[in-house]
Amino acid sequence: MSNIYYGPSNSSIDNCTDVDDLMKRYYLPVFYGAIFIVGVVGNITALLVYIIKVRPWKSSTIIMVNLVITDLLFMIPLPFLTYFYSQNDSWTLGITMCRFTHFIFHFNLYGSILFLTCLAIFRYVAIVHPMHAHSIKKKRWGTLACILGWTVAVAEISPTFNKFDMKEKNNKTYCLDLASNNPKFMWPYSWVLTVLGYLVPLVVVCLCYWRIIKELRKGPHKETSKRVRARRLIVLILTCFIVCFFPFHALRAWRIYTKLTPETNCMLYHWAHAAYIISRPIAAVNIIINLPLYTLSGDCFKQAFMEMFRFDRLMSVINKPTTNISNDQSS
């Protein structure tokens, strides 16, 4: 358990308002709790639809199922984090659970990034290189992509597992996240994660969708519905990358930098921490943004969902009286 302190001096901090403590106590439990409820219901429903109704499975189906599984894994530590922050930031579950909780958070983050990148690459090949579309839809390519995605995500995050630590302060035990641990290790490591785990996939995704947009403006892709669906898919994935993931990576770097710099102003130190705290649930919101992706992934998910929960029958019942009335009026 770490007792080493980094950042401004203790005397400076004593004269400073702990806005970050207020954020942890009132902001994090509410948002993590809401994400847990929506994420569990949405992703379990999506997984059931894929397993029971969606046929046949293609490479994109396998990628989406793995994305669902990654998001469901993230649900496991959320109740513990919600309880931890609601109990005034005092951790009682031990070092192993502390490490597991933060490991799963980052694994979900970088696993989601990798699977969204795989989806963009597969969509690029299918639309821009239609001669290879039939081959890329085969299940073995989706399986290989997902095995690679899981392997890379574990490799990216595994160096941090035994770096997550706990700290005793003011008769409380704190479970430290990645940016709150030893900044001398975390500063270079966080940049490696940011570049390899976020910026490189972002460039790949942007290039893929730029080429897709160019292709959809010409050639055989004239169908309005196909264009609209492709645009919506692009907007959702870029929203995940820019709105959810960018603030987290930028503010994590700022947080670690303020810990690494002893002369950091006290208020700046706490505001950097508070901003980083705000970015963490925003990064986790990608779980909710992923839910509409399933209807846009091209696997007949929407139709399968309607059939599984009998919404198709409900719609036919609703539409029947309208049809009868119109027939009566015409006669």
Protein backbone atom coordinates (compact mmCIF):
# COMPACT_ATOMS: atom_id res chain seq x y z
CA MET A 1 0.00 0.00 0.00
CA SER A 2 1.47 3.33 -1.07
CA ASN A 3 2.18 6.20 1.29
CA ILE A 4 4.24 8.19 -1.22
CA TYR A 5 2.67 11.56 -2.07
CA TYR A 6 3.03 13.43 -5.36
CA GLY A 7 1.80 16.91 -6.23
CA PRO A 8 1.56 20.17 -4.24
CA SER A 9 2.74 20.31 -0.65
CA ASN A 10 0.38 19.18 2.11
CA SER A 11 0.30 22.67 3.66
CA SER A 12 -0.75 24.12 0.33
CA ILE A 13 -3.50 21.54 -0.05
CA ASP A 14 -4.86 22.20 3.44
CA ASN A 15 -5.68 25.77 2.36
CA CYS A 16 -7.40 24.62 -0.81
CA THR A 17 -10.99 23.63 -1.63
CA ASP A 18 -11.24 19.95 -2.54
CA VAL A 19 -13.61 20.35 -5.49
CA ASP A 20 -12.46 16.94 -6.72
CA ASP A 21 -13.74 15.29 -3.53
CA LEU A 22 -17.18 16.81 -4.13
CA MET A 23 -17.16 15.49 -7.69
CA LYS A 24 -16.29 11.98 -6.51
CA ARG A 25 -18.97 11.98 -3.84
CA TYR A 26 -21.90 13.37 -5.83
CA TYR A 27 -21.08 13.07 -9.55
CA LEU A 28 -19.49 9.65 -9.99
CA PRO A 29 -22.07 7.50 -8.11
CA VAL A 30 -24.98 9.02 -10.06
CA PHE A 31 -23.40 8.60 -13.49
CA TYR A 32 -21.90 5.17 -12.84
CA GLY A 33 -25.24 3.98 -11.46
CA ALA A 34 -27.13 5.26 -14.52
CA ILE A 35 -24.61 3.73 -16.94
CA PHE A 36 -24.87 0.41 -15.08
CA ILE A 37 -28.68 0.26 -15.36
CA VAL A 38 -28.85 1.24 -19.05
CA GLY A 39 -25.77 -0.82 -19.95
CA VAL A 40 -26.95 -4.05 -18.31
CA VAL A 41 -30.46 -3.90 -19.78
CA GLY A 42 -29.32 -2.79 -23.24
CA ASN A 43 -26.36 -5.13 -23.66
CA ILE A 44 -28.04 -8.25 -22.24
CA THR A 45 -30.95 -7.59 -24.62
CA ALA A 46 -28.55 -7.13 -27.54
CA LEU A 47 -26.64 -10.31 -26.68
CA LEU A 48 -29.86 -12.34 -26.50
CA VAL A 49 -31.03 -10.99 -29.86
CA TYR A 50 -27.70 -11.88 -31.49
CA ILE A 51 -27.60 -15.38 -29.97
CA ILE A 52 -31.25 -16.33 -30.45
CA LYS A 53 -32.45 -14.46 -33.53
CA VAL A 54 -29.72 -13.07 -35.79
CA ARG A 55 -28.91 -15.55 -38.57
CA PRO A 56 -26.64 -16.07 -40.38
CA TRP A 57 -23.65 -14.74 -38.48
CA LYS A 58 -21.08 -12.81 -40.50
CA SER A 59 -17.74 -11.27 -39.58
CA SER A 60 -19.42 -8.02 -38.52
CA THR A 61 -21.82 -9.99 -36.29
CA ILE A 62 -18.90 -11.58 -34.46
CA ILE A 63 -17.28 -8.17 -33.94
CA MET A 64 -20.51 -6.70 -32.56
CA VAL A 65 -21.04 -9.66 -30.20
CA ASN A 66 -17.52 -9.21 -28.86
CA LEU A 67 -18.22 -5.50 -28.39
CA VAL A 68 -21.33 -6.43 -26.38
CA ILE A 69 -19.31 -8.86 -24.23
CA THR A 70 -16.66 -6.20 -23.59
CA ASP A 71 -19.35 -3.74 -22.48
CA LEU A 72 -20.95 -6.36 -20.22
CA LEU A 73 -17.59 -7.05 -18.57
CA PHE A 74 -17.41 -3.36 -17.73
CA MET A 75 -20.71 -3.67 -15.87
CA ILE A 76 -19.11 -5.97 -13.26
CA PRO A 77 -17.13 -3.35 -11.30
CA LEU A 78 -19.63 -0.48 -11.68
CA PRO A 79 -21.72 -1.35 -8.57
CA PHE A 80 -18.51 -1.51 -6.51
CA LEU A 81 -17.34 1.86 -7.86
CA THR A 82 -20.77 3.38 -7.24
CA TYR A 83 -20.75 2.13 -3.64
CA PHE A 84 -17.11 3.18 -3.11
CA TYR A 85 -17.65 6.79 -4.17
CA SER A 86 -21.01 7.09 -2.41
CA GLN A 87 -19.29 6.00 0.83
CA ASN A 88 -17.05 9.07 0.84
CA ASP A 89 -14.31 7.46 -1.25
CA SER A 90 -13.38 4.76 1.28
CA TRP A 91 -12.39 1.39 -0.24
CA THR A 92 -13.07 -1.75 1.81
CA LEU A 93 -12.77 -4.54 -0.78
CA GLY A 94 -9.01 -5.08 -0.73
CA ILE A 95 -6.16 -4.59 -3.17
CA THR A 96 -7.13 -7.41 -5.59
CA MET A 97 -10.63 -6.01 -6.18
CA CYS A 98 -9.17 -2.51 -6.47
CA ARG A 99 -6.82 -3.63 -9.23
CA PHE A 100 -9.48 -5.71 -10.98
CA THR A 101 -11.95 -2.80 -11.00
CA HIS A 102 -9.58 -0.33 -12.64
CA PHE A 103 -8.15 -2.99 -14.96
CA ILE A 104 -11.63 -3.79 -16.31
CA PHE A 105 -12.40 -0.07 -16.78
CA HIS A 106 -9.35 0.44 -19.01
CA PHE A 107 -9.77 -2.93 -20.72
CA ASN A 108 -13.31 -1.96 -21.76
CA LEU A 109 -12.09 1.40 -23.00
CA TYR A 110 -9.32 0.05 -25.22
CA GLY A 111 -11.23 -3.10 -26.17
CA SER A 112 -14.12 -0.95 -27.42
CA ILE A 113 -11.72 1.24 -29.38
CA LEU A 114 -10.18 -1.81 -31.06
CA PHE A 115 -13.51 -3.47 -31.93
CA LEU A 116 -14.90 -0.19 -33.32
CA THR A 117 -11.73 0.12 -35.40
CA CYS A 118 -12.18 -3.45 -36.70
CA LEU A 119 -15.77 -2.61 -37.64
CA ALA A 120 -14.57 0.46 -39.57
CA ILE A 121 -11.92 -1.57 -41.44
CA PHE A 122 -14.38 -4.33 -42.38
CA ARG A 123 -16.94 -1.74 -43.54
CA TYR A 124 -14.23 -0.01 -45.59
CA VAL A 125 -13.28 -3.25 -47.36
CA ALA A 126 -16.92 -4.16 -48.03
CA ILE A 127 -17.81 -0.78 -49.58
CA VAL A 128 -14.60 0.54 -51.14
CA HIS A 129 -13.33 -2.85 -52.36
CA PRO A 130 -16.54 -4.73 -53.26
CA MET A 131 -14.58 -7.50 -55.01
CA HIS A 132 -13.37 -8.59 -51.56
CA ALA A 133 -16.72 -8.00 -49.82
CA HIS A 134 -17.82 -11.65 -49.95
CA SER A 135 -14.54 -12.85 -48.48
CA ILE A 136 -14.41 -10.27 -45.67
CA LYS A 137 -17.91 -11.26 -44.51
CA LYS A 138 -16.80 -14.81 -43.71
CA LYS A 139 -16.88 -15.64 -40.01
CA ARG A 140 -13.24 -16.63 -39.81
CA TRP A 141 -12.12 -13.04 -40.49
CA GLY A 142 -14.33 -11.73 -37.72
CA THR A 143 -13.01 -14.40 -35.36
CA LEU A 144 -9.38 -13.58 -36.20
CA ALA A 145 -10.02 -9.85 -35.79
CA CYS A 146 -11.60 -10.37 -32.37
CA ILE A 147 -8.82 -12.68 -31.15
CA LEU A 148 -6.34 -10.00 -32.20
CA GLY A 149 -8.44 -7.31 -30.50
CA TRP A 150 -8.62 -9.16 -27.17
CA THR A 151 -4.90 -9.96 -27.30
CA VAL A 152 -3.86 -6.37 -28.02
CA ALA A 153 -6.21 -4.95 -25.36
CA VAL A 154 -4.81 -7.29 -22.69
CA ALA A 155 -1.24 -6.50 -23.80
CA GLU A 156 -1.91 -2.75 -23.59
CA ILE A 157 -3.38 -2.85 -20.09
CA SER A 158 -1.57 -5.76 -18.38
CA PRO A 159 1.48 -3.64 -17.33
CA THR A 160 -0.84 -1.62 -15.07
CA PHE A 161 -2.41 -4.47 -13.10
CA ASN A 162 0.10 -4.53 -10.25
CA LYS A 163 0.60 -0.76 -10.51
CA PHE A 164 -2.89 0.05 -9.27
CA ASP A 165 -2.47 0.69 -5.57
CA MET A 166 -4.25 1.77 -2.41
CA LYS A 167 -3.38 4.67 -0.12
CA GLU A 168 -4.13 5.42 3.53
CA LYS A 169 -5.03 9.03 4.30
CA ASN A 170 -7.14 10.63 7.05
CA ASN A 171 -8.19 7.20 8.37
CA LYS A 172 -9.55 6.22 4.95
CA THR A 173 -8.33 3.75 2.34
CA TYR A 174 -8.28 5.03 -1.23
CA CYS A 175 -8.29 2.79 -4.31
CA LEU A 176 -6.14 4.76 -6.73
CA ASP A 177 -6.92 4.82 -10.44
CA LEU A 178 -4.29 4.89 -13.18
CA ALA A 179 -3.81 8.67 -13.18
CA SER A 180 -3.58 8.86 -9.37
CA ASN A 181 -0.75 6.34 -9.01
CA ASN A 182 3.01 6.89 -9.29
CA PRO A 183 3.27 9.60 -12.00
CA LYS A 184 6.90 8.75 -12.78
CA PHE A 185 5.69 5.44 -14.25
CA MET A 186 2.26 6.57 -15.42
CA TRP A 187 3.40 9.65 -17.37
CA PRO A 188 5.34 7.79 -20.13
CA TYR A 189 3.01 4.78 -19.98
CA SER A 190 -0.13 6.90 -20.40
CA TRP A 191 1.35 8.47 -23.54
CA VAL A 192 2.11 5.03 -24.98
CA LEU A 193 -1.52 4.06 -24.28
CA THR A 194 -2.82 7.30 -25.77
CA VAL A 195 -0.81 6.99 -28.98
CA LEU A 196 -1.13 3.23 -29.61
CA GLY A 197 -4.51 2.66 -27.97
CA TYR A 198 -6.35 5.80 -29.09
CA LEU A 199 -4.64 8.06 -31.65
CA VAL A 200 -3.57 5.33 -34.09
CA PRO A 201 -7.07 3.73 -34.13
CA LEU A 202 -8.61 7.21 -34.49
CA VAL A 203 -6.50 7.89 -37.60
CA VAL A 204 -7.42 4.47 -39.04
CA VAL A 205 -11.14 5.04 -38.40
CA CYS A 206 -11.07 8.54 -39.92
CA LEU A 207 -9.26 7.31 -43.05
CA CYS A 208 -11.67 4.38 -43.46
CA TYR A 209 -14.79 6.53 -43.15
CA TRP A 210 -13.36 9.28 -45.35
CA ARG A 211 -12.92 6.71 -48.13
CA ILE A 212 -16.37 5.24 -47.44
CA ILE A 213 -18.02 8.67 -47.73
CA LYS A 214 -16.21 9.31 -51.02
CA GLU A 215 -17.32 5.93 -52.36
CA LEU A 216 -20.96 6.39 -51.34
CA ARG A 217 -21.13 9.64 -53.30
CA LYS A 218 -20.53 7.83 -56.55
CA GLY A 219 -20.78 4.45 -58.25
CA PRO A 220 -23.38 1.82 -57.46
CA HIS A 221 -24.12 3.02 -53.93
CA LYS A 222 -27.06 5.22 -54.84
CA GLU A 223 -29.65 3.79 -52.43
CA THR A 224 -30.79 6.50 -50.02
CA SER A 225 -31.33 4.08 -47.11
CA LYS A 226 -27.81 2.69 -47.45
CA ARG A 227 -26.31 6.16 -47.46
CA VAL A 228 -28.33 7.27 -44.45
CA ARG A 229 -27.40 4.16 -42.46
CA ALA A 230 -23.72 4.53 -43.35
CA ARG A 231 -23.73 8.20 -42.31
CA ARG A 232 -25.39 7.41 -39.00
CA LEU A 233 -22.88 4.64 -38.31
CA ILE A 234 -20.01 7.03 -39.05
CA VAL A 235 -21.46 9.73 -36.80
CA LEU A 236 -21.96 7.31 -33.90
CA ILE A 237 -18.46 5.83 -34.07
CA LEU A 238 -16.78 9.23 -34.44
CA THR A 239 -18.88 10.47 -31.51
CA CYS A 240 -17.43 7.66 -29.40
CA PHE A 241 -13.89 8.53 -30.45
CA ILE A 242 -14.13 12.32 -30.12
CA VAL A 243 -16.78 13.02 -27.47
CA CYS A 244 -16.16 10.02 -25.18
CA PHE A 245 -12.51 9.07 -25.62
CA PHE A 246 -10.70 12.35 -26.41
CA PRO A 247 -11.55 14.26 -23.18
CA PHE A 248 -10.56 11.23 -21.11
CA HIS A 249 -7.10 10.94 -22.69
CA ALA A 250 -6.41 14.70 -22.68
CA LEU A 251 -7.52 15.21 -19.07
CA ARG A 252 -5.74 12.08 -17.86
CA ALA A 253 -2.49 13.53 -19.21
CA TRP A 254 -3.20 16.85 -17.46
CA ARG A 255 -3.98 15.06 -14.19
CA ILE A 256 -0.74 13.05 -14.26
CA TYR A 257 1.27 16.14 -15.19
CA THR A 258 -0.02 18.09 -12.17
CA LYS A 259 0.96 15.20 -9.91
CA LEU A 260 4.39 15.07 -11.49
CA THR A 261 5.01 18.80 -10.95
CA PRO A 262 5.59 19.77 -7.27
CA GLU A 263 5.19 23.50 -7.99
CA THR A 264 1.67 23.02 -9.37
CA ASN A 265 -0.77 25.57 -7.96
CA CYS A 266 -3.11 23.97 -5.42
CA MET A 267 -6.34 25.06 -7.11
CA LEU A 268 -5.00 23.97 -10.50
CA TYR A 269 -4.11 20.58 -9.00
CA HIS A 270 -7.66 20.01 -7.70
CA TRP A 271 -9.36 21.36 -10.81
CA ALA A 272 -7.24 19.10 -13.02
CA HIS A 273 -8.33 16.15 -10.88
CA ALA A 274 -11.98 17.30 -11.01
CA ALA A 275 -11.86 17.60 -14.81
CA TYR A 276 -10.38 14.11 -15.07
CA ILE A 277 -13.14 12.80 -12.79
CA ILE A 278 -15.76 14.32 -15.11
CA SER A 279 -14.15 12.64 -18.13
CA ARG A 280 -14.26 9.10 -16.68
CA PRO A 281 -18.04 8.51 -16.85
CA ILE A 282 -18.08 10.34 -20.20
CA ALA A 283 -15.61 7.74 -21.50
CA ALA A 284 -17.89 5.01 -20.13
CA VAL A 285 -20.88 6.50 -21.99
CA ASN A 286 -19.50 4.75 -25.09
CA ILE A 287 -21.34 1.69 -23.72
CA ILE A 288 -24.65 3.51 -24.24
CA ILE A 289 -23.64 4.99 -27.60
CA ASN A 290 -22.73 1.48 -28.76
CA LEU A 291 -26.36 0.34 -28.39
CA PRO A 292 -27.67 2.10 -31.55
CA LEU A 293 -24.72 0.66 -33.49
CA TYR A 294 -26.34 -2.76 -33.41
CA THR A 295 -29.24 -1.59 -35.58
CA LEU A 296 -26.82 0.02 -38.05
CA SER A 297 -24.31 -2.83 -38.32
CA GLY A 298 -26.04 -4.48 -41.28
CA ASP A 299 -26.89 -7.75 -39.47
CA CYS A 300 -30.71 -7.39 -39.60
CA PHE A 301 -30.54 -6.66 -35.87
CA LYS A 302 -33.56 -4.34 -35.90
CA GLN A 303 -35.76 -6.95 -37.59
CA ALA A 304 -34.52 -9.68 -35.23
CA PHE A 305 -35.21 -7.44 -32.22
CA MET A 306 -38.76 -6.71 -33.43
CA GLU A 307 -39.46 -10.41 -34.00
CA MET A 308 -37.99 -11.54 -30.68
CA PHE A 309 -40.08 -9.15 -28.61
CA ARG A 310 -43.17 -9.45 -30.86
CA PHE A 311 -43.10 -5.79 -31.86
CA ASP A 312 -43.71 -6.87 -35.45
CA ARG A 313 -47.08 -8.39 -34.44
CA LEU A 314 -47.91 -5.29 -32.40
CA MET A 315 -47.20 -3.06 -35.39
CA SER A 316 -49.37 -5.25 -37.64
CA VAL A 317 -52.23 -5.04 -35.12
CA ILE A 318 -51.86 -1.27 -34.91
CA ASN A 319 -51.82 -0.92 -38.68
CA LYS A 320 -54.81 -3.24 -39.33
CA PRO A 321 -57.61 -0.86 -38.24
CA THR A 322 -56.07 1.91 -40.32
CA THR A 323 -56.14 -0.35 -43.39
CA ASN A 324 -59.77 -1.36 -42.77
CA ILE A 325 -60.90 2.22 -42.31
CA SER A 326 -59.21 3.33 -45.51
CA ASN A 327 -60.84 0.42 -47.38
CA ASP A 328 -64.29 1.33 -46.00
CA GLN A 329 -63.86 4.94 -47.03
CA SER A 330 -62.81 3.98 -50.56
CA SER A 331 -65.84 1.72 -50.99
